[in-house]
N, C-alpha and C. Protein backbone atom coordinates (compact mmCIF):
# COMPACT_ATOMS: atom_id res chain seq x y z
N MET A 1 21.16 -12.10 -6.69
CA MET A 1 20.01 -12.53 -5.64
C MET A 1 19.22 -11.70 -5.28
N TRP A 2 18.03 -12.03 -5.29
CA TRP A 2 16.93 -11.45 -5.00
C TRP A 2 17.05 -11.10 -3.77
N THR A 3 16.30 -9.52 -3.51
CA THR A 3 16.43 -9.11 -1.95
C THR A 3 15.00 -9.01 -1.79
N LEU A 4 14.26 -9.83 -0.75
CA LEU A 4 12.74 -9.42 -0.44
C LEU A 4 12.88 -9.20 1.09
N VAL A 5 11.74 -8.23 1.15
CA VAL A 5 11.51 -7.50 2.38
C VAL A 5 10.32 -8.24 3.04
N LEU A 6 10.32 -9.02 4.51
CA LEU A 6 9.05 -9.41 4.98
C LEU A 6 8.76 -8.44 5.97
N LEU A 7 7.69 -8.00 5.73
CA LEU A 7 6.88 -7.24 6.52
C LEU A 7 6.05 -7.72 7.87
N GLY A 8 5.96 -6.90 9.00
CA GLY A 8 5.38 -7.58 9.99
C GLY A 8 5.68 -8.82 10.86
N ALA A 9 4.77 -9.70 11.18
CA ALA A 9 5.11 -10.63 12.03
C ALA A 9 5.16 -12.18 11.08
N LEU A 10 5.61 -12.13 9.85
CA LEU A 10 5.22 -13.27 9.27
C LEU A 10 5.98 -14.69 9.68
N PHE A 11 7.33 -14.08 9.72
CA PHE A 11 8.38 -15.55 10.05
C PHE A 11 8.63 -15.28 11.13
N ILE A 12 8.94 -14.23 11.70
CA ILE A 12 9.18 -14.28 13.21
C ILE A 12 8.17 -14.15 14.41
N GLY A 13 7.02 -13.77 13.69
CA GLY A 13 5.86 -13.85 14.32
C GLY A 13 5.54 -12.92 15.49
N TYR A 14 5.99 -11.84 15.37
CA TYR A 14 6.06 -10.93 16.75
C TYR A 14 4.71 -10.38 17.10
N ARG A 15 3.82 -10.21 16.37
CA ARG A 15 2.15 -9.91 16.83
C ARG A 15 1.61 -10.65 16.86
N ASN A 16 2.10 -12.04 16.45
CA ASN A 16 0.76 -13.02 16.32
C ASN A 16 0.01 -13.22 17.52
N TYR A 17 -1.04 -12.60 17.71
CA TYR A 17 -2.27 -12.91 18.36
C TYR A 17 -1.89 -12.88 20.06
N GLY A 18 -2.65 -11.75 20.64
CA GLY A 18 -2.64 -11.02 21.83
C GLY A 18 -3.21 -12.11 22.85
N SER A 19 -2.29 -11.91 23.88
CA SER A 19 -2.67 -12.74 25.02
C SER A 19 -3.62 -11.44 25.97
N GLN A 20 -4.33 -12.03 27.21
CA GLN A 20 -4.90 -11.14 27.91
C GLN A 20 -4.28 -11.19 29.17
N LEU A 21 -4.04 -9.98 29.90
CA LEU A 21 -3.95 -9.77 31.10
C LEU A 21 -4.54 -9.18 32.18
N PRO A 22 -5.70 -9.92 32.62
CA PRO A 22 -6.69 -9.23 33.20
C PRO A 22 -6.06 -8.38 34.63
N GLN A 23 -6.50 -7.23 34.78
CA GLN A 23 -6.15 -6.55 36.31
C GLN A 23 -7.53 -6.23 36.85
N LEU A 24 -7.49 -6.35 37.92
CA LEU A 24 -8.31 -5.71 39.08
C LEU A 24 -7.82 -4.54 39.85
N THR A 25 -8.60 -3.58 39.77
CA THR A 25 -8.22 -2.46 40.39
C THR A 25 -8.85 -2.16 41.61
N THR A 26 -10.21 -2.26 41.35
CA THR A 26 -11.31 -1.77 42.39
C THR A 26 -12.59 -2.38 42.18
N ALA A 27 -13.48 -2.72 43.15
CA ALA A 27 -14.56 -3.16 43.06
C ALA A 27 -15.32 -2.77 41.86
N VAL A 28 -15.21 -1.38 41.73
CA VAL A 28 -16.09 -0.64 40.67
C VAL A 28 -15.67 -0.66 39.60
N GLN A 29 -13.77 -0.67 39.42
CA GLN A 29 -13.35 -0.63 37.97
C GLN A 29 -12.61 -1.98 37.84
N HIS A 30 -12.94 -2.30 36.66
CA HIS A 30 -12.01 -3.52 36.21
C HIS A 30 -11.56 -3.18 34.84
N VAL A 31 -10.15 -3.44 34.99
CA VAL A 31 -9.29 -3.00 33.95
C VAL A 31 -8.57 -4.45 33.22
N ARG A 32 -9.02 -4.30 32.09
CA ARG A 32 -8.05 -5.55 31.28
C ARG A 32 -7.77 -4.94 30.35
N THR A 33 -6.37 -5.67 30.50
CA THR A 33 -5.29 -5.16 29.26
C THR A 33 -5.03 -6.56 28.52
N GLU A 34 -5.15 -6.28 27.22
CA GLU A 34 -4.69 -7.70 26.31
C GLU A 34 -3.77 -6.85 25.34
N LEU A 35 -2.83 -8.01 25.66
CA LEU A 35 -1.33 -7.17 24.86
C LEU A 35 -0.87 -8.23 23.96
N ALA A 36 -0.40 -7.71 22.67
CA ALA A 36 0.05 -8.63 21.82
C ALA A 36 1.40 -9.29 22.22
N GLN A 37 1.73 -10.44 21.77
CA GLN A 37 2.71 -11.24 22.28
C GLN A 37 3.84 -10.38 22.10
N VAL A 38 4.98 -11.04 22.80
CA VAL A 38 6.66 -10.23 22.89
C VAL A 38 6.79 -9.88 21.28
N PHE A 39 6.58 -11.15 20.42
CA PHE A 39 6.92 -10.85 18.98
C PHE A 39 5.91 -10.30 17.92
N SER A 40 5.23 -9.55 18.34
CA SER A 40 4.11 -8.89 17.29
C SER A 40 4.70 -8.06 16.48
N GLY A 41 4.23 -8.06 15.43
CA GLY A 41 4.64 -7.33 14.38
C GLY A 41 5.69 -7.00 13.92
N GLN A 42 6.75 -7.98 13.83
CA GLN A 42 8.04 -7.93 13.40
C GLN A 42 8.21 -7.74 11.90
N LEU A 43 9.11 -7.16 11.45
CA LEU A 43 9.27 -6.90 9.88
C LEU A 43 10.92 -7.24 9.61
N LEU A 44 10.82 -8.27 8.61
CA LEU A 44 11.86 -9.08 8.31
C LEU A 44 12.60 -8.56 6.86
N HIS A 45 13.79 -8.52 6.73
CA HIS A 45 14.31 -8.53 5.38
C HIS A 45 15.06 -9.68 5.14
N GLN A 46 14.35 -10.44 3.99
CA GLN A 46 14.94 -11.81 3.52
C GLN A 46 15.77 -12.00 2.65
N LEU A 47 16.77 -12.62 2.73
CA LEU A 47 17.98 -12.56 1.44
C LEU A 47 17.66 -13.88 1.00
N THR A 48 17.07 -14.26 -0.18
CA THR A 48 16.94 -15.76 -0.44
C THR A 48 16.41 -15.52 -2.13
N THR A 49 16.84 -16.73 -2.63
CA THR A 49 16.66 -16.61 -4.29
C THR A 49 15.44 -17.20 -4.58
N ASN A 50 14.39 -17.62 -3.56
CA ASN A 50 13.04 -18.10 -3.63
C ASN A 50 12.01 -17.60 -2.93
N GLU A 51 10.95 -16.93 -3.20
CA GLU A 51 10.04 -16.20 -2.64
C GLU A 51 9.06 -17.29 -1.89
N THR A 52 9.08 -17.16 -0.52
CA THR A 52 8.29 -17.84 0.42
C THR A 52 6.87 -17.78 0.33
N ASP A 53 6.49 -18.55 -0.03
CA ASP A 53 4.86 -18.95 0.00
C ASP A 53 4.36 -18.12 1.51
N VAL A 54 3.34 -17.58 1.41
CA VAL A 54 2.63 -16.87 2.50
C VAL A 54 1.39 -17.17 2.87
N ALA A 55 0.71 -17.70 3.81
CA ALA A 55 -0.36 -17.66 4.08
C ALA A 55 -1.06 -17.30 5.22
N THR A 56 -2.06 -16.28 5.08
CA THR A 56 -2.69 -15.55 6.42
C THR A 56 -3.92 -16.06 6.79
N THR A 57 -3.93 -16.70 7.92
CA THR A 57 -4.87 -17.23 8.87
C THR A 57 -6.26 -16.20 8.90
N GLY A 58 -6.91 -17.11 8.35
CA GLY A 58 -8.55 -16.28 8.58
C GLY A 58 -8.73 -15.28 7.43
N GLN A 59 -8.04 -15.07 6.49
CA GLN A 59 -8.66 -13.81 5.64
C GLN A 59 -9.40 -14.58 4.36
N THR A 60 -10.58 -13.76 4.46
CA THR A 60 -11.47 -14.14 3.21
C THR A 60 -11.80 -13.06 2.35
N GLY A 61 -11.91 -13.33 1.20
CA GLY A 61 -12.12 -12.00 0.03
C GLY A 61 -10.54 -11.33 0.36
N THR A 62 -10.76 -10.28 -0.15
CA THR A 62 -9.47 -9.29 -0.30
C THR A 62 -9.67 -8.21 0.99
N THR A 63 -10.43 -8.05 1.66
CA THR A 63 -10.27 -7.22 2.99
C THR A 63 -9.27 -7.70 3.69
N THR A 64 -8.40 -6.69 3.88
CA THR A 64 -7.38 -7.17 4.95
C THR A 64 -7.59 -7.56 6.15
N PRO A 65 -7.04 -8.26 6.73
CA PRO A 65 -7.68 -9.06 8.31
C PRO A 65 -7.40 -8.01 9.43
N MET A 66 -8.35 -8.11 10.42
CA MET A 66 -7.76 -7.52 11.55
C MET A 66 -6.87 -8.24 12.70
N GLU A 67 -6.28 -7.58 13.48
CA GLU A 67 -5.64 -8.30 14.65
C GLU A 67 -6.78 -8.95 15.59
N SER A 68 -6.61 -10.24 15.99
CA SER A 68 -7.49 -10.84 16.66
C SER A 68 -7.61 -10.18 18.19
N ILE A 69 -6.61 -9.18 18.54
CA ILE A 69 -6.58 -8.40 19.81
C ILE A 69 -7.65 -7.19 19.68
N VAL A 70 -7.93 -6.75 18.24
CA VAL A 70 -9.14 -5.70 18.18
C VAL A 70 -10.42 -6.37 18.01
N GLN A 71 -10.72 -7.39 17.51
CA GLN A 71 -11.70 -8.00 16.97
C GLN A 71 -12.75 -7.87 18.14
N GLY A 72 -13.71 -7.35 17.86
CA GLY A 72 -14.99 -7.10 18.89
C GLY A 72 -14.84 -5.82 19.86
N VAL A 73 -13.74 -5.08 19.69
CA VAL A 73 -13.52 -4.15 20.58
C VAL A 73 -13.90 -2.72 19.90
N HIS A 74 -14.33 -2.00 20.46
CA HIS A 74 -14.73 -0.33 19.91
C HIS A 74 -13.82 0.39 20.16
N LEU A 75 -13.24 1.05 19.29
CA LEU A 75 -12.11 1.88 19.66
C LEU A 75 -12.51 3.34 18.87
N SER A 76 -12.12 4.49 19.32
CA SER A 76 -12.18 5.62 18.67
C SER A 76 -11.19 5.86 17.38
N ARG A 77 -11.60 6.33 16.61
CA ARG A 77 -10.93 6.62 15.36
C ARG A 77 -9.79 7.70 15.36
N THR A 78 -9.74 8.38 16.69
CA THR A 78 -8.88 9.47 16.63
C THR A 78 -7.46 8.83 17.71
N TYR A 79 -6.54 9.23 17.07
CA TYR A 79 -4.79 8.54 18.04
C TYR A 79 -4.30 10.08 18.28
N TYR A 80 -3.46 9.34 19.13
CA TYR A 80 -2.37 10.68 19.03
C TYR A 80 -1.25 9.90 18.90
N TYR A 81 -0.19 10.66 18.30
CA TYR A 81 1.30 9.91 18.28
C TYR A 81 2.07 10.73 18.66
N ARG A 82 3.43 10.27 18.95
CA ARG A 82 4.63 10.62 19.66
C ARG A 82 5.81 10.25 19.41
N TYR A 83 7.03 10.85 19.20
CA TYR A 83 8.43 10.40 18.63
C TYR A 83 8.96 10.04 19.81
N SER A 84 9.61 8.67 19.86
CA SER A 84 10.59 8.65 21.03
C SER A 84 11.72 9.68 20.65
N THR A 85 12.42 10.11 21.87
CA THR A 85 13.39 10.74 21.62
C THR A 85 14.89 10.31 21.21
N THR A 86 14.80 9.18 20.96
CA THR A 86 15.94 8.47 20.27
C THR A 86 15.48 8.28 18.87
N LEU A 87 14.58 8.28 18.18
CA LEU A 87 14.15 8.25 17.03
C LEU A 87 14.85 9.27 16.02
N PRO A 88 15.62 9.08 15.28
CA PRO A 88 16.36 9.73 14.55
C PRO A 88 15.57 10.53 13.38
N ALA A 89 15.96 11.68 12.66
CA ALA A 89 15.19 12.03 11.53
C ALA A 89 14.39 11.43 10.73
N ALA A 90 15.28 10.48 10.07
CA ALA A 90 15.27 9.55 9.15
C ALA A 90 13.74 8.87 9.43
N GLY A 91 13.57 8.49 10.71
CA GLY A 91 12.64 7.57 11.38
C GLY A 91 11.33 8.73 11.26
N ARG A 92 11.78 10.01 11.82
CA ARG A 92 10.53 10.81 11.98
C ARG A 92 9.72 10.60 10.56
N GLN A 93 10.68 11.18 9.55
CA GLN A 93 10.22 11.30 8.43
C GLN A 93 9.30 10.41 7.73
N VAL A 94 9.80 8.86 7.75
CA VAL A 94 9.30 7.96 7.24
C VAL A 94 7.75 7.74 8.07
N PHE A 95 7.80 7.76 9.55
CA PHE A 95 6.72 7.80 10.22
C PHE A 95 5.68 8.71 9.74
N ALA A 96 6.22 9.80 9.82
CA ALA A 96 5.15 11.32 9.44
C ALA A 96 4.51 10.82 8.03
N HIS A 97 5.29 10.02 6.89
CA HIS A 97 4.56 9.71 5.72
C HIS A 97 3.43 8.93 6.16
N ALA A 98 3.64 7.87 6.92
CA ALA A 98 2.61 6.80 6.81
C ALA A 98 1.77 7.68 7.85
N VAL A 99 1.74 8.38 8.88
CA VAL A 99 0.56 9.06 9.47
C VAL A 99 -0.18 9.64 8.12
N ALA A 100 0.17 10.56 7.39
CA ALA A 100 -0.47 11.12 6.18
C ALA A 100 -1.15 10.22 5.46
N THR A 101 -0.48 8.97 5.05
CA THR A 101 -1.18 8.06 4.07
C THR A 101 -2.69 7.65 4.93
N TYR A 102 -2.31 7.42 6.06
CA TYR A 102 -3.63 6.76 6.95
C TYR A 102 -4.69 8.15 7.20
N ASN A 103 -4.33 9.01 7.60
CA ASN A 103 -4.79 10.44 7.61
C ASN A 103 -5.69 10.67 6.40
N GLN A 104 -5.09 10.20 5.19
CA GLN A 104 -5.67 10.46 4.00
C GLN A 104 -7.30 9.43 3.66
N THR A 105 -7.06 8.38 4.33
CA THR A 105 -8.42 7.71 4.07
C THR A 105 -9.54 8.08 4.75
N GLY A 106 -9.32 9.16 5.89
CA GLY A 106 -10.67 9.73 6.53
C GLY A 106 -11.40 8.50 7.44
N VAL A 107 -10.49 7.73 7.88
CA VAL A 107 -10.92 6.45 8.36
C VAL A 107 -10.44 6.75 9.88
N VAL A 108 -9.33 6.94 9.95
CA VAL A 108 -8.74 7.12 11.21
C VAL A 108 -8.13 8.50 11.16
N HIS A 109 -7.94 9.12 12.39
CA HIS A 109 -7.31 10.49 12.48
C HIS A 109 -6.27 10.58 13.44
N LEU A 110 -5.07 11.00 13.19
CA LEU A 110 -4.03 11.05 13.82
C LEU A 110 -3.23 12.27 14.20
N VAL A 111 -3.13 12.60 15.23
CA VAL A 111 -3.19 13.95 15.94
C VAL A 111 -1.70 13.88 16.74
N GLU A 112 -0.54 14.49 16.34
CA GLU A 112 0.86 14.80 17.04
C GLU A 112 0.25 15.12 18.60
N GLY A 113 0.90 14.54 19.29
CA GLY A 113 0.85 15.07 20.48
C GLY A 113 0.88 14.02 21.71
N THR A 114 0.45 14.20 22.93
CA THR A 114 0.24 13.06 23.99
C THR A 114 -1.46 12.89 24.16
N ALA A 115 -1.69 11.59 24.47
CA ALA A 115 -2.96 11.56 24.67
C ALA A 115 -3.58 11.60 25.81
N PRO A 116 -4.67 12.51 26.12
CA PRO A 116 -5.31 12.67 27.02
C PRO A 116 -5.70 11.52 27.56
N SER A 117 -5.72 11.72 29.00
CA SER A 117 -6.53 10.13 29.66
C SER A 117 -7.52 9.49 28.97
N GLY A 118 -7.42 8.19 28.56
CA GLY A 118 -8.65 7.29 28.20
C GLY A 118 -8.72 7.58 26.42
N GLN A 119 -7.47 8.25 25.89
CA GLN A 119 -7.75 8.40 24.73
C GLN A 119 -6.49 7.44 23.78
N ASN A 120 -6.59 7.16 22.44
CA ASN A 120 -5.45 6.37 21.77
C ASN A 120 -4.35 6.67 21.66
N GLN A 121 -3.02 6.09 21.94
CA GLN A 121 -1.82 6.75 21.76
C GLN A 121 -0.99 5.88 20.86
N ILE A 122 -0.02 6.33 19.98
CA ILE A 122 0.60 5.41 19.39
C ILE A 122 2.07 6.04 19.59
N THR A 123 3.19 5.32 19.63
CA THR A 123 4.72 5.82 20.12
C THR A 123 5.59 5.13 19.09
N PHE A 124 6.06 6.12 18.38
CA PHE A 124 7.01 5.45 17.26
C PHE A 124 8.58 5.88 17.93
N SER A 125 9.30 4.45 17.58
CA SER A 125 10.61 4.69 18.21
C SER A 125 11.55 3.48 17.35
N VAL A 126 12.65 3.44 17.86
CA VAL A 126 13.81 2.50 17.01
C VAL A 126 14.05 1.63 18.23
N TYR A 127 15.01 0.59 17.85
CA TYR A 127 15.55 -0.36 18.71
C TYR A 127 16.85 -0.67 18.03
N HIS A 128 17.66 -1.41 18.88
CA HIS A 128 18.91 -2.04 17.94
C HIS A 128 19.17 -3.59 18.26
N LYS A 129 19.15 -4.36 17.12
CA LYS A 129 18.91 -5.74 17.32
C LYS A 129 19.96 -6.38 15.70
N ARG A 130 21.11 -6.67 16.28
CA ARG A 130 21.64 -6.79 14.97
C ARG A 130 21.88 -8.70 14.89
N MET A 131 21.43 -9.25 13.58
CA MET A 131 21.21 -10.43 13.32
C MET A 131 22.44 -11.16 13.38
N ALA A 132 22.54 -12.46 13.33
CA ALA A 132 23.71 -13.06 13.05
C ALA A 132 24.42 -13.11 11.87
N GLN A 133 25.35 -13.21 11.74
CA GLN A 133 26.21 -12.83 10.31
C GLN A 133 25.87 -13.78 9.32
N ASN A 134 25.37 -14.76 9.46
CA ASN A 134 25.11 -16.15 8.65
C ASN A 134 23.27 -16.15 8.23
N SER A 135 22.65 -15.30 9.19
CA SER A 135 21.13 -15.13 9.31
C SER A 135 20.63 -15.21 7.63
N ALA A 136 19.63 -15.71 7.39
CA ALA A 136 18.99 -15.29 6.32
C ALA A 136 17.90 -14.20 6.01
N GLU A 137 17.64 -13.85 7.39
CA GLU A 137 16.53 -12.97 7.45
C GLU A 137 17.22 -11.74 8.70
N VAL A 138 16.91 -10.61 7.99
CA VAL A 138 17.29 -9.49 9.01
C VAL A 138 16.04 -8.80 9.58
N GLU A 139 15.69 -8.69 11.00
CA GLU A 139 14.62 -8.06 11.53
C GLU A 139 14.78 -6.64 10.87
N LEU A 140 13.63 -6.10 10.74
CA LEU A 140 13.71 -4.64 10.39
C LEU A 140 12.92 -3.68 11.22
N GLY A 141 11.86 -4.27 11.90
CA GLY A 141 11.26 -3.64 12.67
C GLY A 141 9.95 -4.39 13.53
N HIS A 142 8.92 -3.87 14.02
CA HIS A 142 7.81 -4.48 14.97
C HIS A 142 6.90 -3.55 15.31
N GLY A 143 5.68 -3.99 15.23
CA GLY A 143 4.70 -2.82 16.09
C GLY A 143 3.33 -3.55 16.26
N GLY A 144 2.47 -3.07 17.07
CA GLY A 144 1.22 -3.83 17.36
C GLY A 144 0.60 -2.82 18.32
N PRO A 145 -0.85 -3.61 18.64
CA PRO A 145 -1.86 -2.81 19.50
C PRO A 145 -1.57 -3.10 20.59
N GLN A 146 -2.00 -2.62 21.65
CA GLN A 146 -2.13 -2.86 23.18
C GLN A 146 -3.55 -2.38 23.48
N ILE A 147 -4.97 -3.10 23.82
CA ILE A 147 -5.88 -2.63 24.16
C ILE A 147 -6.03 -3.04 25.73
N THR A 148 -6.56 -2.03 26.22
CA THR A 148 -7.04 -1.60 27.47
C THR A 148 -8.40 -1.57 27.66
N GLN A 149 -9.07 -2.38 28.32
CA GLN A 149 -10.69 -2.08 28.37
C GLN A 149 -11.02 -2.25 30.16
N ARG A 150 -11.48 -0.90 30.09
CA ARG A 150 -12.18 -0.44 31.68
C ARG A 150 -13.39 -0.50 31.66
N VAL A 151 -13.98 -1.48 32.53
CA VAL A 151 -15.28 -1.47 33.00
C VAL A 151 -15.56 -0.63 34.46
N THR A 152 -16.48 0.10 34.36
CA THR A 152 -16.94 0.64 35.78
C THR A 152 -18.74 0.85 35.52
N LEU A 153 -19.25 1.47 36.43
CA LEU A 153 -20.71 1.43 36.47
C LEU A 153 -21.20 2.38 35.23
N ALA A 154 -20.34 3.03 34.52
CA ALA A 154 -21.00 3.87 33.43
C ALA A 154 -20.74 2.96 32.21
N GLY A 155 -20.03 1.91 31.85
CA GLY A 155 -19.86 1.11 31.05
C GLY A 155 -18.78 0.72 30.90
N THR A 156 -18.40 0.20 29.30
CA THR A 156 -17.20 -0.19 29.13
C THR A 156 -16.79 0.92 27.99
N SER A 157 -15.22 1.15 28.23
CA SER A 157 -14.32 1.97 27.19
C SER A 157 -13.19 1.21 26.85
N SER A 158 -12.67 1.00 25.98
CA SER A 158 -11.57 0.75 25.24
C SER A 158 -10.55 1.46 24.76
N THR A 159 -9.25 1.61 24.73
CA THR A 159 -8.34 2.41 24.22
C THR A 159 -7.29 1.53 23.76
N ASN A 160 -6.28 2.32 22.68
CA ASN A 160 -5.19 1.09 22.27
C ASN A 160 -3.75 1.95 22.43
N ASN A 161 -2.93 1.59 23.28
CA ASN A 161 -1.86 2.13 23.45
C ASN A 161 -0.71 1.49 22.35
N ALA A 162 -0.83 1.73 21.53
CA ALA A 162 0.19 1.14 20.20
C ALA A 162 1.67 1.64 20.22
N SER A 163 2.25 0.84 19.27
CA SER A 163 3.79 1.26 19.24
C SER A 163 4.01 0.60 17.85
N ALA A 164 5.13 1.56 17.15
CA ALA A 164 5.81 0.96 15.69
C ALA A 164 7.09 1.38 16.00
N SER A 165 7.93 0.32 15.71
CA SER A 165 9.39 0.76 15.97
C SER A 165 10.07 -0.08 14.63
N LEU A 166 11.32 0.63 14.38
CA LEU A 166 12.14 0.33 13.25
C LEU A 166 13.36 -0.12 13.93
N ASN A 167 14.33 -1.09 13.29
CA ASN A 167 15.61 -1.69 13.87
C ASN A 167 16.41 -0.88 13.31
N ALA A 168 17.21 0.26 14.07
CA ALA A 168 18.08 1.22 13.57
C ALA A 168 19.46 0.39 13.14
N ASP A 169 19.47 -0.54 13.56
CA ASP A 169 20.98 -1.43 12.96
C ASP A 169 20.65 -1.57 11.45
N TYR A 170 19.73 -1.23 11.03
CA TYR A 170 19.57 -1.70 9.67
C TYR A 170 19.10 -0.35 8.79
N SER A 171 19.73 0.11 7.90
CA SER A 171 19.15 1.36 7.07
C SER A 171 18.08 1.03 6.40
N ALA A 172 17.80 -0.22 5.96
CA ALA A 172 16.68 -0.59 5.10
C ALA A 172 15.44 -0.63 5.98
N ALA A 173 15.50 -0.51 7.36
CA ALA A 173 14.19 0.01 8.17
C ALA A 173 13.74 1.17 8.14
N PHE A 174 14.34 2.32 7.30
CA PHE A 174 13.99 3.52 7.18
C PHE A 174 13.37 3.63 5.98
N SER A 175 12.36 3.14 5.46
CA SER A 175 11.65 3.12 4.31
C SER A 175 9.97 3.63 4.71
N ASN A 176 9.69 4.13 3.77
CA ASN A 176 7.80 4.48 3.91
C ASN A 176 7.04 3.21 3.83
N ALA A 177 7.66 1.88 2.84
CA ALA A 177 6.71 0.86 3.01
C ALA A 177 6.71 0.06 4.46
N VAL A 178 8.18 0.27 5.04
CA VAL A 178 8.49 -0.34 6.33
C VAL A 178 7.47 0.23 7.69
N ALA A 179 7.27 1.59 7.35
CA ALA A 179 6.74 2.51 8.43
C ALA A 179 5.33 2.42 8.38
N THR A 180 4.89 2.44 6.68
CA THR A 180 3.18 2.10 6.68
C THR A 180 2.90 0.66 7.32
N HIS A 181 3.55 -0.14 7.11
CA HIS A 181 3.34 -1.55 7.48
C HIS A 181 3.21 -1.73 8.94
N GLU A 182 4.17 -1.15 9.68
CA GLU A 182 4.29 -1.17 11.15
C GLU A 182 2.81 -0.51 11.80
N LEU A 183 2.61 0.87 11.28
CA LEU A 183 1.60 1.67 11.66
C LEU A 183 0.12 1.02 11.38
N GLY A 184 0.25 0.27 10.29
CA GLY A 184 -0.79 -0.54 10.17
C GLY A 184 -1.14 -1.51 11.40
N HIS A 185 0.08 -2.26 11.51
CA HIS A 185 -0.23 -3.18 13.11
C HIS A 185 -0.66 -2.34 14.15
N ALA A 186 0.02 -1.40 14.31
CA ALA A 186 -0.64 -0.63 15.25
C ALA A 186 -1.86 -0.36 15.56
N LEU A 187 -2.41 -0.13 14.18
CA LEU A 187 -3.98 0.32 14.15
C LEU A 187 -4.49 -0.93 14.23
N GLY A 188 -4.30 -2.04 14.29
CA GLY A 188 -5.11 -3.29 14.10
C GLY A 188 -5.22 -4.01 13.00
N LEU A 189 -4.37 -3.68 11.97
CA LEU A 189 -4.42 -4.55 10.65
C LEU A 189 -3.45 -5.85 10.93
N ASP A 190 -3.98 -6.88 10.36
CA ASP A 190 -3.21 -8.02 10.37
C ASP A 190 -2.35 -8.27 8.85
N HIS A 191 -1.96 -9.57 8.86
CA HIS A 191 -1.44 -9.70 7.84
C HIS A 191 -2.50 -9.99 6.53
N SER A 192 -1.98 -9.66 5.17
CA SER A 192 -2.96 -9.87 4.09
C SER A 192 -2.07 -11.01 2.99
N SER A 193 -2.98 -11.69 2.56
CA SER A 193 -2.50 -12.53 1.57
C SER A 193 -2.57 -11.83 0.23
N SER A 194 -3.06 -10.53 0.31
CA SER A 194 -3.01 -10.05 -1.17
C SER A 194 -1.74 -9.22 -1.64
N LEU A 195 -1.41 -9.37 -3.03
CA LEU A 195 0.07 -8.96 -3.24
C LEU A 195 -0.06 -7.12 -3.44
N THR A 196 -1.34 -6.85 -3.36
CA THR A 196 -1.55 -5.29 -3.36
C THR A 196 -1.73 -4.56 -2.12
N SER A 197 -1.61 -5.33 -1.22
CA SER A 197 -1.61 -4.79 0.20
C SER A 197 -0.60 -4.39 0.99
N VAL A 198 -0.69 -3.27 1.73
CA VAL A 198 0.80 -3.03 2.48
C VAL A 198 0.67 -3.75 3.39
N MET A 199 -0.06 -4.65 3.86
CA MET A 199 0.15 -5.55 5.00
C MET A 199 0.60 -6.96 4.66
N TYR A 200 0.94 -7.28 3.36
CA TYR A 200 1.43 -8.19 2.42
C TYR A 200 2.85 -8.91 3.50
N PRO A 201 3.13 -9.76 4.20
CA PRO A 201 4.31 -9.93 4.66
C PRO A 201 5.59 -9.88 3.99
N ILE A 202 5.59 -10.33 2.70
CA ILE A 202 6.89 -9.79 1.94
C ILE A 202 6.71 -8.86 0.88
N SER A 203 7.42 -7.91 1.38
CA SER A 203 7.54 -6.33 0.86
C SER A 203 7.62 -6.27 -0.90
N GLN A 204 6.37 -5.74 -1.17
CA GLN A 204 6.25 -5.30 -2.71
C GLN A 204 6.96 -3.72 -2.89
N GLY A 205 7.38 -3.08 -1.82
CA GLY A 205 7.74 -1.68 -1.59
C GLY A 205 6.64 -0.68 -1.85
N ARG A 206 5.49 -1.31 -1.18
CA ARG A 206 4.28 -0.51 -1.59
C ARG A 206 4.17 0.36 0.06
N SER A 207 3.61 1.62 -0.39
CA SER A 207 3.16 2.42 0.86
C SER A 207 2.04 3.01 0.50
N LYS A 208 1.35 2.90 -0.42
CA LYS A 208 0.07 3.22 -0.62
C LYS A 208 -1.22 1.95 -0.53
N LEU A 209 -1.84 2.66 0.60
CA LEU A 209 -3.13 1.52 0.84
C LEU A 209 -3.72 1.04 -0.18
N SER A 210 -4.28 -0.30 -0.15
CA SER A 210 -5.09 -0.89 -1.22
C SER A 210 -6.68 -0.54 -0.72
N ALA A 211 -7.34 -0.88 -1.63
CA ALA A 211 -8.62 -0.77 -1.38
C ALA A 211 -9.09 -1.86 0.01
N GLY A 212 -8.54 -2.94 -0.19
CA GLY A 212 -8.42 -4.00 1.19
C GLY A 212 -8.08 -3.52 2.04
N ASP A 213 -7.19 -3.05 2.28
CA ASP A 213 -6.43 -2.06 3.68
C ASP A 213 -7.32 -1.21 3.97
N ILE A 214 -8.20 -0.47 3.29
CA ILE A 214 -8.90 0.51 3.66
C ILE A 214 -10.40 -0.02 4.22
N ALA A 215 -10.68 -1.28 3.34
CA ALA A 215 -11.76 -1.83 3.88
C ALA A 215 -11.60 -2.53 5.57
N GLY A 216 -10.14 -2.86 5.74
CA GLY A 216 -10.08 -3.82 6.75
C GLY A 216 -10.01 -2.49 8.16
N LEU A 217 -9.22 -1.41 7.47
CA LEU A 217 -9.82 -0.19 8.73
C LEU A 217 -11.16 -0.02 8.78
N LYS A 218 -11.88 0.10 8.22
CA LYS A 218 -13.30 0.27 7.96
C LYS A 218 -13.85 -0.57 9.30
N ALA A 219 -13.40 -1.78 8.94
CA ALA A 219 -14.02 -2.76 9.81
C ALA A 219 -13.73 -2.89 11.03
N ILE A 220 -12.48 -2.43 11.37
CA ILE A 220 -11.89 -2.27 12.98
C ILE A 220 -12.60 -1.19 13.35
N TYR A 221 -12.90 -0.11 12.50
CA TYR A 221 -13.28 0.92 13.54
C TYR A 221 -14.82 1.43 13.12
N ARG A 222 -15.26 0.37 12.70
CA ARG A 222 -16.77 0.32 12.25
C ARG A 222 -17.66 1.22 11.41
N GLN A 223 -17.19 1.65 10.35
CA GLN A 223 -17.41 2.63 9.37
C GLN A 223 -18.00 2.05 8.19
């Protein structure tokens, strides 16, 4: 029996397309927070003898698509990241590898630490979710962006308070491929239909970004 790893929000659809939650703070400042839906960026481990056909909405060419929540949003390329206190050493290791992978592109710049006010932040964490014994799919992780736009008299600014998390109930979650995929969601990458992409929903065991993945990052961060 073949073991397939489904990355991101393909079949359980965690990060599929953000909702918008407007919030008014003062007459001068309007804060609009756009959140990915509750099930955004989930990663599954599927046990099946047949590879499931995967279609990614809206992809043209080989460039990895961006999340709808970041479309038309101007984001800084600099992120601060922090590890949850409950994240074990194995989780820190794979997320550190993922951070290095994205930093090597030169498109984004991820720095460990707590973000100053108004700066992008990513939180790496774990959660626990045991699937039913007869389930054909095992959820390994989830991740996604959370965009906040602040409109003041000085103009509009946008920040991403993103997250990437691994399901600690399954050892398969602690892999470079899973961490790279979920961090990709946090940075704004959507699923790709390209087999060479780290954002392909069924894992090919890849943790190296494809040319399409890098092109997708450049599109998000306007480079």
